[in-house]
N, C-alpha and C. Protein backbone atom coordinates (compact mmCIF):
# COMPACT_ATOMS: atom_id res chain seq x y z
N MET A 1 0.62 -1.13 0.10
CA MET A 1 0.08 -0.42 0.27
C MET A 1 1.13 1.53 -0.28
N ALA A 2 0.51 2.06 -0.85
CA ALA A 2 0.96 3.73 -1.11
C ALA A 2 1.05 4.25 0.21
N LYS A 3 2.10 5.15 0.72
CA LYS A 3 2.06 6.33 1.44
C LYS A 3 1.22 7.33 0.70
N ALA A 4 0.15 7.95 1.58
CA ALA A 4 0.23 9.20 0.76
C ALA A 4 0.72 10.69 0.95
N ALA A 5 0.74 11.39 0.16
CA ALA A 5 1.57 12.10 0.26
C ALA A 5 1.33 13.20 1.36
N GLY A 6 2.66 14.11 1.86
CA GLY A 6 2.97 14.76 2.85
C GLY A 6 3.50 14.45 3.89
N ASP A 7 3.61 15.47 4.95
CA ASP A 7 4.39 14.70 5.87
C ASP A 7 3.40 14.75 7.44
N GLU A 8 3.02 15.29 7.81
CA GLU A 8 2.24 15.94 8.60
C GLU A 8 1.01 14.75 8.62
N PRO A 9 0.96 14.32 9.81
CA PRO A 9 -0.79 13.10 9.95
C PRO A 9 -2.02 14.15 10.31
N VAL A 10 -2.59 12.98 9.80
CA VAL A 10 -3.68 13.28 10.15
C VAL A 10 -4.42 13.70 11.50
N ARG A 11 -4.96 14.86 11.36
CA ARG A 11 -5.18 15.12 13.24
C ARG A 11 -6.99 14.65 13.27
N ALA A 12 -6.46 13.97 14.47
CA ALA A 12 -8.22 14.02 15.18
C ALA A 12 -8.03 14.00 16.41
N TYR A 13 -9.39 13.79 17.04
CA TYR A 13 -9.11 14.05 18.43
C TYR A 13 -10.97 13.35 18.92
N GLY A 14 -11.04 13.15 20.56
CA GLY A 14 -11.73 12.21 20.77
C GLY A 14 -11.60 12.74 22.16
N GLY A 15 -12.68 11.28 23.05
CA GLY A 15 -12.92 11.57 24.05
C GLY A 15 -12.70 10.08 25.11
N ALA A 16 -12.30 9.61 26.55
CA ALA A 16 -12.45 9.00 27.15
C ALA A 16 -14.02 9.28 28.09
N VAL A 17 -14.57 9.28 27.71
CA VAL A 17 -16.18 9.56 28.72
C VAL A 17 -15.83 8.75 29.29
N TRP A 18 -16.14 9.32 30.94
CA TRP A 18 -16.66 8.83 32.38
C TRP A 18 -17.51 8.39 32.62
N ARG A 19 -17.97 8.06 33.90
CA ARG A 19 -19.21 8.58 34.91
C ARG A 19 -18.71 7.23 35.79
N GLU A 20 -19.49 7.38 36.77
CA GLU A 20 -19.31 6.88 37.92
C GLU A 20 -21.24 5.71 37.84
N GLY A 21 -20.38 4.65 37.53
CA GLY A 21 -21.37 3.46 37.28
C GLY A 21 -21.76 2.89 38.88
N ILE A 22 -23.08 1.58 38.73
CA ILE A 22 -22.91 0.77 39.34
C ILE A 22 -21.78 -0.01 39.76
N ARG A 23 -21.03 0.08 38.80
CA ARG A 23 -19.97 -1.33 38.55
C ARG A 23 -18.51 -0.57 38.72
N GLY A 24 -18.19 0.66 39.37
CA GLY A 24 -17.64 1.55 39.70
C GLY A 24 -17.13 2.94 38.55
N ILE A 25 -15.86 2.80 38.68
CA ILE A 25 -15.65 3.45 37.06
C ILE A 25 -15.87 3.36 35.78
N GLU A 26 -16.61 3.37 35.22
CA GLU A 26 -17.22 3.12 33.57
C GLU A 26 -16.41 4.10 33.06
N VAL A 27 -16.21 2.93 31.42
CA VAL A 27 -16.01 4.46 30.69
C VAL A 27 -16.68 3.71 29.09
N LEU A 28 -17.16 4.11 27.82
CA LEU A 28 -17.69 4.57 27.07
C LEU A 28 -16.99 3.96 25.88
N LEU A 29 -17.53 2.79 24.98
CA LEU A 29 -16.79 1.66 24.65
C LEU A 29 -17.70 1.92 23.11
N VAL A 30 -16.90 2.63 21.45
CA VAL A 30 -18.20 1.90 20.64
C VAL A 30 -17.20 0.49 19.55
N HIS A 31 -18.50 -0.05 19.09
CA HIS A 31 -17.87 -0.70 18.21
C HIS A 31 -18.25 -0.55 17.08
N ARG A 32 -17.20 -0.27 16.29
CA ARG A 32 -17.41 -0.04 14.61
C ARG A 32 -17.35 -1.42 13.58
N PRO A 33 -18.77 -1.07 12.95
CA PRO A 33 -18.40 -2.34 12.14
C PRO A 33 -17.37 -2.48 10.97
N ALA A 34 -17.49 -1.31 10.69
CA ALA A 34 -16.57 -1.26 8.92
C ALA A 34 -15.46 -1.81 9.41
N TYR A 35 -14.82 -1.37 10.29
CA TYR A 35 -13.39 -2.08 11.09
C TYR A 35 -13.40 -3.57 12.28
N GLN A 36 -14.72 -3.46 12.56
CA GLN A 36 -15.29 -4.37 13.61
C GLN A 36 -14.17 -4.27 14.77
N ASP A 37 -13.76 -3.06 15.16
CA ASP A 37 -13.18 -3.16 16.19
C ASP A 37 -13.89 -2.22 17.49
N TRP A 38 -13.34 -2.42 18.55
CA TRP A 38 -13.33 -1.78 19.85
C TRP A 38 -12.91 -0.93 20.17
N SER A 39 -13.66 0.58 20.17
CA SER A 39 -12.36 1.76 20.46
C SER A 39 -13.08 2.94 21.12
N LEU A 40 -12.46 3.96 21.87
CA LEU A 40 -13.23 5.04 22.11
C LEU A 40 -13.26 5.43 21.58
N PRO A 41 -13.95 7.05 21.49
CA PRO A 41 -15.19 7.27 20.08
C PRO A 41 -14.17 8.23 20.11
N LYS A 42 -13.84 8.82 18.41
CA LYS A 42 -13.07 9.71 18.18
C LYS A 42 -12.80 9.63 16.30
N GLY A 43 -12.46 11.07 16.07
CA GLY A 43 -12.53 11.71 14.68
C GLY A 43 -11.80 12.49 13.76
N LYS A 44 -11.74 13.00 13.31
CA LYS A 44 -10.81 13.70 12.25
C LYS A 44 -11.50 15.31 12.46
N LEU A 45 -10.43 15.91 12.47
CA LEU A 45 -10.36 17.88 12.21
C LEU A 45 -11.08 18.41 11.39
N ASP A 46 -12.31 19.05 11.06
CA ASP A 46 -13.24 19.58 10.20
C ASP A 46 -11.86 20.98 10.44
N PRO A 47 -11.59 21.40 8.53
CA PRO A 47 -11.09 22.50 8.38
C PRO A 47 -11.62 23.64 9.69
N GLY A 48 -10.31 24.41 10.05
CA GLY A 48 -10.88 25.57 10.76
C GLY A 48 -10.99 25.70 11.92
N GLU A 49 -11.94 24.16 12.64
CA GLU A 49 -11.92 23.48 13.95
C GLU A 49 -11.30 23.65 15.17
N GLU A 50 -11.52 24.03 16.32
CA GLU A 50 -11.06 23.61 17.32
C GLU A 50 -10.72 22.50 18.08
N PRO A 51 -9.46 22.29 18.44
CA PRO A 51 -9.79 20.76 18.68
C PRO A 51 -10.56 19.93 20.32
N THR A 52 -10.90 20.84 21.30
CA THR A 52 -11.68 20.01 21.91
C THR A 52 -12.99 20.45 21.71
N ALA A 53 -13.07 21.36 20.24
CA ALA A 53 -15.12 21.25 19.71
C ALA A 53 -14.99 20.02 19.10
N CYS A 54 -13.61 19.65 18.11
CA CYS A 54 -13.63 18.25 17.81
C CYS A 54 -14.28 17.30 18.03
N ALA A 55 -13.15 17.06 19.51
CA ALA A 55 -13.66 16.34 20.64
C ALA A 55 -15.40 16.03 21.02
N LEU A 56 -15.45 16.87 21.09
CA LEU A 56 -17.03 16.96 21.72
C LEU A 56 -17.52 16.74 20.44
N ARG A 57 -17.70 17.17 19.33
CA ARG A 57 -18.22 16.98 18.38
C ARG A 57 -18.38 15.22 17.70
N GLU A 58 -17.23 14.76 17.64
CA GLU A 58 -16.92 13.30 16.98
C GLU A 58 -17.91 12.41 18.07
N VAL A 59 -17.77 12.53 19.49
CA VAL A 59 -18.23 11.92 20.63
C VAL A 59 -19.52 12.06 20.46
N GLU A 60 -20.22 13.11 20.59
CA GLU A 60 -21.43 13.21 19.99
C GLU A 60 -21.66 12.31 18.91
N GLU A 61 -21.61 12.64 17.94
CA GLU A 61 -21.71 12.03 16.82
C GLU A 61 -21.78 10.46 16.50
N GLU A 62 -20.71 10.47 17.54
CA GLU A 62 -20.48 8.43 17.28
C GLU A 62 -21.23 7.91 18.91
N THR A 63 -22.07 8.53 19.45
CA THR A 63 -22.65 7.61 20.60
C THR A 63 -23.86 8.28 20.85
N GLY A 64 -24.15 10.20 20.49
CA GLY A 64 -25.48 10.78 20.73
C GLY A 64 -25.18 11.22 22.28
N VAL A 65 -24.23 11.16 22.90
CA VAL A 65 -23.54 11.64 24.25
C VAL A 65 -22.78 13.30 24.19
N ALA A 66 -23.63 13.99 24.47
CA ALA A 66 -23.70 14.88 24.82
C ALA A 66 -22.10 15.45 26.30
N CYS A 67 -21.09 16.44 25.54
CA CYS A 67 -20.13 15.66 27.32
C CYS A 67 -20.05 17.57 27.48
N THR A 68 -19.75 17.12 28.97
CA THR A 68 -17.91 18.27 28.95
C THR A 68 -16.96 17.75 29.33
N ILE A 69 -15.59 18.43 28.70
CA ILE A 69 -14.74 18.38 28.55
C ILE A 69 -14.24 19.27 29.61
N GLY A 70 -13.18 17.33 29.84
CA GLY A 70 -11.78 18.09 31.45
C GLY A 70 -10.25 18.11 30.70
N GLU A 71 -9.73 17.51 31.76
CA GLU A 71 -7.92 17.32 31.43
C GLU A 71 -8.04 16.76 29.58
N GLU A 72 -7.10 16.81 28.79
CA GLU A 72 -6.06 16.51 28.09
C GLU A 72 -5.60 15.36 28.85
N LEU A 73 -5.98 14.09 27.46
CA LEU A 73 -4.96 12.65 28.67
C LEU A 73 -4.23 12.60 27.83
N GLY A 74 -3.20 12.81 26.43
CA GLY A 74 -2.59 12.68 25.62
C GLY A 74 -3.06 12.29 24.21
N SER A 75 -1.72 11.94 23.50
CA SER A 75 -2.25 11.75 22.17
C SER A 75 -1.44 9.96 21.24
N VAL A 76 -2.04 9.39 20.92
CA VAL A 76 -1.56 8.29 20.02
C VAL A 76 -1.35 8.76 18.72
N THR A 77 -0.24 7.79 18.03
CA THR A 77 -0.04 8.44 16.54
C THR A 77 -0.28 6.85 15.90
N TYR A 78 -0.91 6.48 14.70
CA TYR A 78 -0.87 4.94 14.19
C TYR A 78 -0.74 5.03 12.90
N GLU A 79 -1.09 4.16 11.84
CA GLU A 79 -0.49 4.43 10.47
C GLU A 79 -2.28 3.87 9.99
N GLU A 80 -2.49 4.14 9.77
CA GLU A 80 -4.39 4.15 9.10
C GLU A 80 -4.35 3.71 7.52
N HIS A 81 -4.97 2.39 7.47
CA HIS A 81 -4.60 2.88 5.80
C HIS A 81 -6.26 2.00 5.78
N ASN A 82 -6.42 2.57 4.10
CA ASN A 82 -7.88 3.16 3.49
C ASN A 82 -7.35 2.12 2.09
N LYS A 83 -7.71 1.46 2.11
CA LYS A 83 -8.25 0.08 0.84
C LYS A 83 -8.27 0.60 0.03
N ARG A 84 -10.28 1.91 0.13
CA ARG A 84 -10.69 2.24 -1.42
C ARG A 84 -9.80 3.04 -2.23
N LYS A 85 -8.83 3.56 -1.50
CA LYS A 85 -7.94 4.75 -1.82
C LYS A 85 -6.59 4.03 -2.29
N GLY A 86 -6.28 2.92 -1.65
CA GLY A 86 -5.26 1.75 -1.86
C GLY A 86 -3.78 2.94 -1.08
N VAL A 87 -4.03 4.15 0.35
CA VAL A 87 -3.06 4.18 1.00
C VAL A 87 -2.61 4.48 2.48
N SER A 88 -1.69 4.59 2.87
CA SER A 88 -2.01 4.62 4.46
C SER A 88 -1.89 5.96 4.66
N LEU A 89 -2.60 6.27 6.08
CA LEU A 89 -1.70 7.36 6.23
C LEU A 89 -1.57 7.85 8.00
N LEU A 90 -0.45 8.77 8.06
CA LEU A 90 -0.21 8.74 9.41
C LEU A 90 -1.58 9.49 10.45
N LYS A 91 -1.87 8.94 11.83
CA LYS A 91 -2.61 9.21 12.02
C LYS A 91 -2.83 9.77 13.74
N GLU A 92 -2.76 11.14 13.94
CA GLU A 92 -2.76 11.61 15.41
C GLU A 92 -3.63 11.66 16.17
N VAL A 93 -4.19 10.84 16.80
CA VAL A 93 -5.81 10.97 17.40
C VAL A 93 -5.10 11.51 19.71
N THR A 94 -5.32 13.37 19.67
CA THR A 94 -5.51 13.67 20.92
C THR A 94 -6.72 13.24 21.53
N PHE A 95 -6.34 12.88 22.67
CA PHE A 95 -7.84 12.38 23.53
C PHE A 95 -8.24 13.42 24.95
N PHE A 96 -9.30 13.64 24.76
CA PHE A 96 -9.67 14.19 26.35
C PHE A 96 -10.82 12.95 26.90
N GLU A 97 -10.29 13.65 28.42
CA GLU A 97 -11.39 13.43 29.68
C GLU A 97 -12.71 13.77 28.79
N MET A 98 -13.80 12.97 29.26
CA MET A 98 -15.00 13.62 29.36
C MET A 98 -15.67 12.97 29.93
N ARG A 99 -16.66 13.91 30.30
CA ARG A 99 -18.19 13.09 31.63
C ARG A 99 -19.18 13.95 30.64
N PRO A 100 -19.89 12.39 30.52
CA PRO A 100 -21.49 12.88 29.96
C PRO A 100 -22.23 14.24 30.44
N SER A 101 -23.04 15.04 29.82
CA SER A 101 -23.46 15.89 30.38
C SER A 101 -25.12 15.76 29.94
N THR A 102 -25.45 13.99 29.05
CA THR A 102 -27.08 13.66 28.95
C THR A 102 -26.95 12.16 28.98
N THR A 103 -27.67 11.79 28.81
CA THR A 103 -28.03 10.07 29.13
C THR A 103 -28.36 9.92 27.63
N ARG A 104 -29.09 9.93 26.88
CA ARG A 104 -29.48 9.90 25.58
C ARG A 104 -28.07 8.89 24.95
N HIS A 105 -28.48 7.94 23.96
CA HIS A 105 -27.54 7.05 23.17
C HIS A 105 -27.97 7.04 22.04
N ARG A 106 -27.33 6.98 20.79
CA ARG A 106 -28.09 7.18 19.64
C ARG A 106 -27.92 6.12 18.72
N PRO A 107 -29.29 5.70 18.39
CA PRO A 107 -29.64 4.31 18.02
C PRO A 107 -28.17 3.78 16.47
N PRO A 108 -27.57 2.57 16.43
CA PRO A 108 -26.98 2.03 15.95
C PRO A 108 -27.11 2.26 14.11
N ASP A 109 -25.98 2.53 14.33
CA ASP A 109 -25.70 2.92 12.28
C ASP A 109 -24.92 1.67 11.64
N ASP A 110 -24.67 2.68 10.58
CA ASP A 110 -23.24 1.68 9.48
C ASP A 110 -21.74 2.07 10.23
N GLU A 111 -22.21 3.27 10.79
CA GLU A 111 -20.49 3.94 12.13
C GLU A 111 -20.29 3.43 12.87
N VAL A 112 -21.32 3.33 14.28
CA VAL A 112 -20.92 2.84 14.78
C VAL A 112 -22.21 1.75 15.20
N ASP A 113 -22.38 0.87 15.52
CA ASP A 113 -23.42 -0.09 15.69
C ASP A 113 -23.64 -0.63 17.14
N GLU A 114 -23.04 -0.45 17.84
CA GLU A 114 -23.43 -0.94 19.37
C GLU A 114 -22.30 0.17 20.18
N MET A 115 -22.69 0.58 21.84
CA MET A 115 -21.74 1.17 22.58
C MET A 115 -21.92 0.09 23.95
N CYS A 116 -21.14 0.42 24.79
CA CYS A 116 -21.10 -0.37 26.54
C CYS A 116 -20.35 0.78 27.42
N TRP A 117 -21.08 1.14 28.24
CA TRP A 117 -19.91 1.30 29.28
C TRP A 117 -19.42 0.02 29.90
N SER A 118 -18.40 -0.09 30.53
CA SER A 118 -17.75 -0.81 30.60
C SER A 118 -16.33 -0.37 31.74
N PRO A 119 -16.42 -1.13 32.83
CA PRO A 119 -14.95 -0.67 34.11
C PRO A 119 -13.78 -0.82 33.32
N ILE A 120 -12.91 0.14 33.52
CA ILE A 120 -11.85 0.48 33.12
C ILE A 120 -10.84 -1.07 32.41
N ASP A 121 -11.04 -1.71 33.77
CA ASP A 121 -10.16 -3.47 33.06
C ASP A 121 -11.01 -3.49 31.85
N GLU A 122 -12.03 -3.56 32.53
CA GLU A 122 -12.99 -4.43 30.89
C GLU A 122 -12.92 -4.14 30.35
N ALA A 123 -12.44 -2.86 30.31
CA ALA A 123 -12.68 -1.87 28.47
C ALA A 123 -11.38 -2.13 28.10
N ARG A 124 -10.12 -2.27 28.65
CA ARG A 124 -8.93 -2.56 28.17
C ARG A 124 -8.76 -4.22 27.61
N GLU A 125 -9.86 -4.65 28.12
CA GLU A 125 -9.75 -6.37 27.58
C GLU A 125 -10.33 -5.67 26.18
N LEU A 126 -11.81 -4.96 26.00
CA LEU A 126 -12.07 -5.04 24.96
C LEU A 126 -12.22 -4.43 24.02
N CYS A 127 -10.71 -2.94 24.41
CA CYS A 127 -10.53 -2.45 23.78
C CYS A 127 -9.70 -3.30 22.22
N THR A 128 -9.68 -2.69 20.95
CA THR A 128 -9.26 -3.78 19.98
C THR A 128 -7.66 -3.07 19.73
N TYR A 129 -7.86 -2.06 19.94
CA TYR A 129 -5.80 -1.32 19.93
C TYR A 129 -4.93 -1.18 21.58
N PRO A 130 -3.68 -1.69 21.47
CA PRO A 130 -3.30 -0.61 22.66
C PRO A 130 -3.01 0.44 22.62
N THR A 131 -3.37 1.21 22.04
CA THR A 131 -3.10 2.66 21.88
C THR A 131 -4.62 3.15 22.97
N ASP A 132 -5.42 2.38 22.78
CA ASP A 132 -6.46 2.89 23.52
C ASP A 132 -6.18 2.64 24.96
N HIS A 133 -5.05 1.67 25.42
CA HIS A 133 -4.83 1.02 26.70
C HIS A 133 -4.32 2.76 27.02
N ARG A 134 -3.41 2.47 26.44
CA ARG A 134 -2.26 3.94 27.01
C ARG A 134 -3.60 5.18 27.35
N ILE A 135 -4.82 5.10 26.78
CA ILE A 135 -5.71 6.30 27.05
C ILE A 135 -6.07 6.41 28.22
N LEU A 136 -6.57 4.51 28.37
CA LEU A 136 -8.05 4.42 29.67
C LEU A 136 -6.55 4.11 31.03
N ASP A 137 -4.96 4.12 30.89
CA ASP A 137 -4.09 4.62 32.20
C ASP A 137 -4.12 5.58 32.18
N ALA A 138 -3.97 6.72 31.58
CA ALA A 138 -3.92 7.93 31.75
C ALA A 138 -5.24 8.29 32.22
N LEU A 139 -6.52 7.72 31.83
CA LEU A 139 -7.50 8.58 32.59
C LEU A 139 -7.61 8.09 34.11
N GLU A 140 -6.97 6.76 34.60
CA GLU A 140 -6.70 5.90 35.76
C GLU A 140 -6.18 7.07 36.30
N GLU A 141 -5.31 6.70 36.04
CA GLU A 141 -4.17 7.77 36.50
C GLU A 141 -4.28 8.89 37.04
N LEU A 142 -5.43 9.89 36.10
CA LEU A 142 -5.91 11.47 36.46
C LEU A 142 -7.22 11.50 37.61
N LEU A 143 -7.41 10.57 36.77
CA LEU A 143 -8.76 10.04 38.38
C LEU A 143 -8.20 9.70 39.21
N ALA A 144 -7.22 8.67 40.24
CA ALA A 144 -6.48 8.17 41.04
C ALA A 144 -5.93 9.56 42.10
N ARG A 145 -5.34 10.89 40.78
CA ARG A 145 -4.53 11.91 41.86
C ARG A 145 -5.65 12.91 42.52
N ARG A 146 -6.84 12.84 41.70
CA ARG A 146 -7.87 13.55 41.81
C ARG A 146 -7.93 13.33 43.54
N PRO A 147 -8.56 14.71 44.40
CA PRO A 147 -8.59 14.68 45.93
C PRO A 147 -10.77 13.83 45.60
N THR A 148 -10.69 13.15 46.61
CA THR A 148 -12.38 12.26 46.58
C THR A 148 -12.89 13.54 47.61
N ALA A 149 -14.13 13.34 46.87
CA ALA A 149 -15.17 13.81 47.85
C ALA A 149 -15.63 14.09 49.13
N PRO A 150 -15.65 15.09 50.15
CA PRO A 150 -16.22 14.62 51.71
C PRO A 150 -17.29 13.90 51.82
N ALA A 151 -17.46 12.88 52.69
CA ALA A 151 -18.49 12.12 52.58
C ALA A 151 -19.90 12.57 53.23
């Protein structure tokens, strides 16, 4: 497969959406039928768009869940293969911590056909890509550093 022209990676943004659930801290994962994978919601930056706006938009488009954005969790870089165009692109995805501000979910479609809330340990097992594990680790470390609310 040929490399696409240009040295700059494709920029994308996403979120590690978390909530306090009945099984402790849970994160929202999406299943994408086109890739047959489980991952954190993310997507490409539109021209002129701010990174945080992209992250919020992409999470809501893929899940139906509107969120508030928190701290940046880090970036991952990987090669993405586009079989239709016959090229490989370098993609850099920056993730932010997010909290849901709505409880609605979007109906399944061709882009995302399933979603689930999973405890972080289970989410690591479910995620297809090790790059997502690094973001889950960063989220877990961030949450561990925060002071707990008084009882």
